[in-house]
N, C-alpha and C. Protein backbone atom coordinates (compact mmCIF):
# COMPACT_ATOMS: atom_id res chain seq x y z
N MET A 1 16.36 -8.22 -17.04
CA MET A 1 17.06 -7.86 -18.24
C MET A 1 16.20 -6.84 -18.99
N LYS A 2 16.87 -5.86 -19.58
CA LYS A 2 16.19 -4.90 -20.44
C LYS A 2 16.95 -4.88 -21.76
N ASN A 3 16.25 -5.22 -22.83
CA ASN A 3 16.85 -5.28 -24.15
C ASN A 3 18.12 -6.12 -24.17
N GLY A 4 18.09 -7.25 -23.45
CA GLY A 4 19.21 -8.17 -23.46
C GLY A 4 20.36 -7.82 -22.56
N GLU A 5 20.23 -6.75 -21.81
CA GLU A 5 21.29 -6.32 -20.90
C GLU A 5 20.82 -6.46 -19.45
N PRO A 6 21.68 -7.05 -18.60
CA PRO A 6 21.27 -7.19 -17.19
C PRO A 6 21.11 -5.83 -16.52
N GLU A 7 20.00 -5.66 -15.82
CA GLU A 7 19.81 -4.45 -15.02
C GLU A 7 20.21 -4.72 -13.58
N ALA A 8 19.92 -5.94 -13.10
CA ALA A 8 20.28 -6.29 -11.73
C ALA A 8 20.20 -7.80 -11.58
N VAL A 9 21.06 -8.32 -10.73
CA VAL A 9 20.99 -9.72 -10.34
C VAL A 9 20.92 -9.72 -8.82
N ASN A 10 19.81 -10.19 -8.29
CA ASN A 10 19.60 -10.19 -6.85
C ASN A 10 19.12 -11.55 -6.38
N LEU A 11 19.46 -11.87 -5.18
CA LEU A 11 18.87 -13.02 -4.51
C LEU A 11 18.00 -12.46 -3.40
N LEU A 12 16.73 -12.77 -3.46
CA LEU A 12 15.80 -12.19 -2.51
C LEU A 12 14.88 -13.29 -1.98
N GLN A 13 14.81 -13.38 -0.69
CA GLN A 13 13.87 -14.29 -0.06
C GLN A 13 13.07 -13.48 0.95
N THR A 14 11.75 -13.61 0.90
CA THR A 14 10.92 -12.86 1.83
C THR A 14 9.85 -13.77 2.41
N LYS A 15 9.31 -13.32 3.49
CA LYS A 15 8.14 -13.95 4.08
C LYS A 15 7.00 -12.95 3.93
N GLY A 16 5.82 -13.44 3.96
CA GLY A 16 4.68 -12.55 3.86
C GLY A 16 3.41 -13.30 4.22
N PHE A 17 2.30 -12.62 4.01
CA PHE A 17 1.01 -13.24 4.30
C PHE A 17 -0.03 -12.69 3.35
N GLY A 18 -1.10 -13.43 3.20
CA GLY A 18 -2.20 -13.00 2.36
C GLY A 18 -3.51 -13.15 3.12
N VAL A 19 -4.47 -12.32 2.78
CA VAL A 19 -5.78 -12.34 3.42
C VAL A 19 -6.84 -12.40 2.33
N ARG A 20 -7.75 -13.34 2.47
CA ARG A 20 -8.91 -13.41 1.57
C ARG A 20 -10.15 -13.19 2.41
N VAL A 21 -11.04 -12.36 1.90
CA VAL A 21 -12.29 -12.10 2.61
C VAL A 21 -13.45 -12.10 1.62
N ILE A 22 -14.64 -12.29 2.16
CA ILE A 22 -15.85 -12.08 1.38
C ILE A 22 -16.61 -10.96 2.07
N ALA A 23 -16.92 -9.91 1.32
CA ALA A 23 -17.71 -8.80 1.84
C ALA A 23 -18.74 -8.42 0.79
N ASN A 24 -19.97 -8.25 1.21
CA ASN A 24 -21.06 -7.92 0.29
C ASN A 24 -21.15 -8.92 -0.87
N GLY A 25 -20.82 -10.18 -0.59
CA GLY A 25 -20.98 -11.24 -1.59
C GLY A 25 -19.88 -11.30 -2.62
N ALA A 26 -18.71 -10.69 -2.38
CA ALA A 26 -17.62 -10.72 -3.34
C ALA A 26 -16.28 -10.93 -2.63
N TRP A 27 -15.32 -11.49 -3.35
CA TRP A 27 -14.00 -11.75 -2.81
C TRP A 27 -13.13 -10.50 -2.83
N GLY A 28 -12.26 -10.42 -1.83
CA GLY A 28 -11.21 -9.42 -1.81
C GLY A 28 -9.93 -10.08 -1.33
N PHE A 29 -8.81 -9.68 -1.88
CA PHE A 29 -7.53 -10.25 -1.49
C PHE A 29 -6.51 -9.13 -1.34
N ALA A 30 -5.66 -9.26 -0.32
CA ALA A 30 -4.54 -8.34 -0.14
C ALA A 30 -3.43 -9.10 0.56
N GLY A 31 -2.20 -8.68 0.35
CA GLY A 31 -1.07 -9.33 0.99
C GLY A 31 0.00 -8.31 1.33
N SER A 32 0.94 -8.74 2.14
CA SER A 32 2.04 -7.87 2.55
C SER A 32 3.24 -8.72 2.97
N VAL A 33 4.40 -8.12 2.89
CA VAL A 33 5.61 -8.77 3.39
C VAL A 33 5.99 -8.25 4.77
N ASP A 34 5.30 -7.21 5.23
CA ASP A 34 5.54 -6.67 6.56
C ASP A 34 4.64 -7.39 7.56
N ILE A 35 5.24 -8.14 8.45
CA ILE A 35 4.44 -8.93 9.39
C ILE A 35 4.52 -8.27 10.77
N ASN A 36 3.55 -7.41 11.02
CA ASN A 36 3.40 -6.78 12.33
C ASN A 36 1.92 -6.44 12.51
N LYS A 37 1.51 -6.16 13.71
CA LYS A 37 0.09 -5.98 14.03
C LYS A 37 -0.55 -4.88 13.18
N GLU A 38 0.12 -3.74 13.07
CA GLU A 38 -0.45 -2.62 12.31
C GLU A 38 -0.63 -2.98 10.83
N GLU A 39 0.36 -3.66 10.27
CA GLU A 39 0.29 -4.02 8.85
C GLU A 39 -0.78 -5.08 8.62
N ILE A 40 -0.94 -5.99 9.55
CA ILE A 40 -1.98 -7.01 9.42
C ILE A 40 -3.35 -6.35 9.40
N ILE A 41 -3.59 -5.42 10.31
CA ILE A 41 -4.87 -4.69 10.34
C ILE A 41 -5.09 -3.94 9.04
N LYS A 42 -4.07 -3.23 8.58
CA LYS A 42 -4.16 -2.46 7.34
C LYS A 42 -4.44 -3.37 6.14
N THR A 43 -3.80 -4.54 6.11
CA THR A 43 -3.98 -5.46 5.00
C THR A 43 -5.37 -6.07 5.00
N VAL A 44 -5.88 -6.40 6.17
CA VAL A 44 -7.26 -6.91 6.27
C VAL A 44 -8.24 -5.85 5.78
N GLU A 45 -8.05 -4.61 6.22
CA GLU A 45 -8.92 -3.51 5.78
C GLU A 45 -8.86 -3.35 4.26
N LYS A 46 -7.68 -3.47 3.70
CA LYS A 46 -7.53 -3.36 2.25
C LYS A 46 -8.27 -4.48 1.53
N ALA A 47 -8.16 -5.70 2.04
CA ALA A 47 -8.88 -6.83 1.44
C ALA A 47 -10.39 -6.61 1.49
N VAL A 48 -10.88 -6.10 2.61
CA VAL A 48 -12.32 -5.81 2.74
C VAL A 48 -12.73 -4.73 1.74
N ASN A 49 -11.94 -3.68 1.61
CA ASN A 49 -12.26 -2.60 0.66
C ASN A 49 -12.27 -3.12 -0.78
N ILE A 50 -11.33 -4.00 -1.10
CA ILE A 50 -11.29 -4.58 -2.45
C ILE A 50 -12.53 -5.43 -2.68
N ALA A 51 -12.93 -6.22 -1.68
CA ALA A 51 -14.14 -7.04 -1.81
C ALA A 51 -15.36 -6.17 -2.02
N LYS A 52 -15.47 -5.09 -1.25
CA LYS A 52 -16.63 -4.20 -1.39
C LYS A 52 -16.65 -3.54 -2.77
N ALA A 53 -15.49 -3.17 -3.27
CA ALA A 53 -15.43 -2.58 -4.61
C ALA A 53 -15.80 -3.62 -5.66
N SER A 54 -15.32 -4.85 -5.48
CA SER A 54 -15.65 -5.93 -6.41
C SER A 54 -17.14 -6.24 -6.39
N ALA A 55 -17.76 -6.08 -5.23
CA ALA A 55 -19.19 -6.37 -5.10
C ALA A 55 -20.03 -5.46 -5.98
N LEU A 56 -19.52 -4.28 -6.27
CA LEU A 56 -20.27 -3.35 -7.12
C LEU A 56 -20.45 -3.87 -8.54
N LEU A 57 -19.56 -4.78 -8.97
CA LEU A 57 -19.61 -5.31 -10.34
C LEU A 57 -19.92 -6.80 -10.39
N LYS A 58 -20.25 -7.40 -9.26
CA LYS A 58 -20.47 -8.86 -9.23
C LYS A 58 -21.70 -9.23 -10.04
N ARG A 59 -21.64 -10.42 -10.59
CA ARG A 59 -22.76 -10.95 -11.36
C ARG A 59 -23.63 -11.87 -10.50
N LYS A 60 -22.99 -12.48 -9.49
CA LYS A 60 -23.75 -13.33 -8.57
C LYS A 60 -23.03 -13.35 -7.23
N GLU A 61 -23.76 -13.75 -6.20
CA GLU A 61 -23.22 -13.81 -4.84
C GLU A 61 -22.15 -14.90 -4.74
N THR A 62 -21.11 -14.61 -4.02
CA THR A 62 -20.12 -15.62 -3.69
C THR A 62 -20.60 -16.34 -2.44
N ALA A 63 -20.57 -17.65 -2.47
CA ALA A 63 -21.03 -18.41 -1.32
C ALA A 63 -20.02 -19.52 -1.02
N LEU A 64 -19.79 -19.73 0.25
CA LEU A 64 -18.92 -20.82 0.67
C LEU A 64 -19.76 -22.04 0.98
N ILE A 65 -19.16 -23.20 0.78
CA ILE A 65 -19.85 -24.44 1.14
C ILE A 65 -19.04 -25.11 2.25
N ARG A 66 -19.73 -25.88 3.06
CA ARG A 66 -19.04 -26.59 4.15
C ARG A 66 -18.28 -27.76 3.54
N GLU A 67 -17.04 -27.87 3.93
CA GLU A 67 -16.18 -28.93 3.42
C GLU A 67 -15.30 -29.41 4.57
N GLU A 68 -15.12 -30.71 4.65
CA GLU A 68 -14.24 -31.25 5.68
C GLU A 68 -12.80 -30.84 5.39
N ALA A 69 -12.07 -30.52 6.43
CA ALA A 69 -10.66 -30.16 6.27
C ALA A 69 -9.89 -31.38 5.79
N ARG A 70 -8.89 -31.14 4.97
CA ARG A 70 -8.05 -32.24 4.50
C ARG A 70 -6.64 -31.73 4.28
N GLU A 71 -5.74 -32.64 4.33
CA GLU A 71 -4.35 -32.30 4.09
C GLU A 71 -3.97 -32.88 2.74
N ASP A 72 -3.28 -32.08 1.95
CA ASP A 72 -2.93 -32.50 0.60
C ASP A 72 -1.55 -31.96 0.27
N GLN A 73 -0.85 -32.63 -0.59
CA GLN A 73 0.44 -32.16 -1.06
C GLN A 73 0.50 -32.32 -2.56
N TYR A 74 1.24 -31.41 -3.18
CA TYR A 74 1.43 -31.48 -4.62
C TYR A 74 2.90 -31.22 -4.91
N SER A 75 3.44 -32.01 -5.77
CA SER A 75 4.82 -31.81 -6.19
C SER A 75 4.86 -31.91 -7.70
N SER A 76 5.34 -30.86 -8.34
CA SER A 76 5.40 -30.89 -9.80
C SER A 76 6.64 -31.64 -10.25
N SER A 77 6.52 -32.28 -11.37
CA SER A 77 7.69 -32.96 -11.92
C SER A 77 8.47 -31.96 -12.77
N TYR A 78 9.75 -32.12 -12.82
CA TYR A 78 10.58 -31.26 -13.63
C TYR A 78 11.78 -32.06 -14.12
N GLN A 79 12.31 -31.62 -15.25
CA GLN A 79 13.47 -32.31 -15.80
C GLN A 79 14.76 -31.83 -15.14
N LYS A 80 14.79 -30.54 -14.76
CA LYS A 80 15.94 -29.96 -14.10
C LYS A 80 15.48 -29.26 -12.83
N ASP A 81 16.23 -29.42 -11.78
CA ASP A 81 15.93 -28.70 -10.54
C ASP A 81 16.25 -27.23 -10.79
N PRO A 82 15.24 -26.33 -10.76
CA PRO A 82 15.49 -24.92 -11.08
C PRO A 82 16.48 -24.24 -10.14
N PHE A 83 16.63 -24.79 -8.95
CA PHE A 83 17.55 -24.19 -7.98
C PHE A 83 19.00 -24.62 -8.23
N LYS A 84 19.19 -25.59 -9.12
CA LYS A 84 20.55 -26.05 -9.43
C LYS A 84 21.03 -25.58 -10.80
N ILE A 85 20.20 -24.82 -11.51
CA ILE A 85 20.61 -24.29 -12.82
C ILE A 85 21.52 -23.10 -12.58
N PRO A 86 22.70 -23.09 -13.21
CA PRO A 86 23.64 -21.98 -13.02
C PRO A 86 23.04 -20.64 -13.48
N VAL A 87 23.41 -19.57 -12.78
CA VAL A 87 22.92 -18.24 -13.11
C VAL A 87 23.22 -17.90 -14.57
N GLU A 88 24.39 -18.29 -15.07
CA GLU A 88 24.76 -17.99 -16.46
C GLU A 88 23.75 -18.59 -17.45
N GLU A 89 23.31 -19.81 -17.17
CA GLU A 89 22.32 -20.47 -18.04
C GLU A 89 20.98 -19.73 -17.99
N LYS A 90 20.57 -19.28 -16.81
CA LYS A 90 19.33 -18.53 -16.67
C LYS A 90 19.42 -17.20 -17.42
N LEU A 91 20.56 -16.52 -17.29
CA LEU A 91 20.75 -15.25 -17.99
C LEU A 91 20.69 -15.44 -19.49
N ASP A 92 21.28 -16.54 -19.98
CA ASP A 92 21.25 -16.82 -21.42
C ASP A 92 19.81 -16.98 -21.92
N VAL A 93 18.98 -17.68 -21.15
CA VAL A 93 17.57 -17.85 -21.53
C VAL A 93 16.87 -16.49 -21.56
N LEU A 94 17.14 -15.64 -20.57
CA LEU A 94 16.52 -14.32 -20.53
C LEU A 94 16.97 -13.45 -21.71
N ILE A 95 18.24 -13.53 -22.05
CA ILE A 95 18.76 -12.76 -23.20
C ILE A 95 18.08 -13.21 -24.48
N GLN A 96 17.99 -14.52 -24.68
CA GLN A 96 17.34 -15.05 -25.89
C GLN A 96 15.87 -14.65 -25.94
N ALA A 97 15.18 -14.74 -24.82
CA ALA A 97 13.76 -14.37 -24.79
C ALA A 97 13.59 -12.90 -25.12
N GLY A 98 14.45 -12.05 -24.60
CA GLY A 98 14.39 -10.62 -24.91
C GLY A 98 14.62 -10.34 -26.37
N ARG A 99 15.57 -11.03 -26.97
CA ARG A 99 15.84 -10.85 -28.41
C ARG A 99 14.63 -11.27 -29.25
N ILE A 100 14.04 -12.41 -28.89
CA ILE A 100 12.86 -12.89 -29.62
C ILE A 100 11.73 -11.87 -29.52
N LEU A 101 11.52 -11.31 -28.32
CA LEU A 101 10.48 -10.30 -28.15
C LEU A 101 10.73 -9.10 -29.06
N LYS A 102 11.94 -8.59 -29.06
CA LYS A 102 12.27 -7.39 -29.85
C LYS A 102 12.13 -7.64 -31.36
N GLU A 103 12.40 -8.87 -31.80
CA GLU A 103 12.33 -9.20 -33.22
C GLU A 103 10.90 -9.25 -33.75
N GLN A 104 9.91 -9.25 -32.87
CA GLN A 104 8.53 -9.41 -33.30
C GLN A 104 7.98 -8.19 -34.02
N SER A 105 8.48 -7.01 -33.70
CA SER A 105 7.95 -5.79 -34.32
C SER A 105 8.90 -4.63 -34.05
N PRO A 106 9.04 -3.73 -35.04
CA PRO A 106 9.84 -2.53 -34.80
C PRO A 106 9.15 -1.57 -33.82
N LEU A 107 7.89 -1.81 -33.55
CA LEU A 107 7.16 -0.97 -32.59
C LEU A 107 7.56 -1.27 -31.15
N ILE A 108 8.18 -2.43 -30.92
CA ILE A 108 8.61 -2.78 -29.57
C ILE A 108 9.90 -2.04 -29.28
N LYS A 109 9.85 -1.14 -28.35
CA LYS A 109 11.00 -0.29 -28.02
C LYS A 109 11.83 -0.86 -26.88
N ALA A 110 11.21 -1.64 -26.00
CA ALA A 110 11.94 -2.22 -24.88
C ALA A 110 11.35 -3.59 -24.57
N ALA A 111 12.22 -4.54 -24.29
CA ALA A 111 11.79 -5.90 -23.93
C ALA A 111 12.39 -6.23 -22.57
N TYR A 112 11.54 -6.55 -21.62
CA TYR A 112 11.98 -6.88 -20.28
C TYR A 112 11.78 -8.37 -20.04
N THR A 113 12.75 -9.01 -19.45
CA THR A 113 12.62 -10.41 -19.04
C THR A 113 13.07 -10.52 -17.60
N LEU A 114 12.49 -11.49 -16.90
CA LEU A 114 12.72 -11.60 -15.46
C LEU A 114 12.64 -13.06 -15.05
N SER A 115 13.49 -13.47 -14.16
CA SER A 115 13.44 -14.80 -13.59
C SER A 115 13.30 -14.67 -12.08
N TRP A 116 12.39 -15.45 -11.51
CA TRP A 116 12.19 -15.45 -10.05
C TRP A 116 12.98 -16.56 -9.38
N ILE A 117 13.58 -17.43 -10.15
CA ILE A 117 14.33 -18.54 -9.54
C ILE A 117 15.79 -18.41 -9.89
């Protein structure tokens, strides 16, 4: 939504991957939605470059500790299943949030709101 008006309503589901690395004592992270050999190599290289750039400003070395593998699950509690809320209700919340944002100051020229669910 932009200034309370819908710009687009889309349903989008994607798959992707993320890579975390430590290089020169600092973390780097990169991800992509393109899952193919060339993109994986490129994404790993990007994560390494980010780690090396982060290492230039690090305050201390990043170190891993040995930890036994474990399986864990987490489920958040909610009052309403977000996947069962009608689109109209979600749009209404976005419209209200945009109006509240714009009312905060005349200096705000545009208010954007977005829902991922």
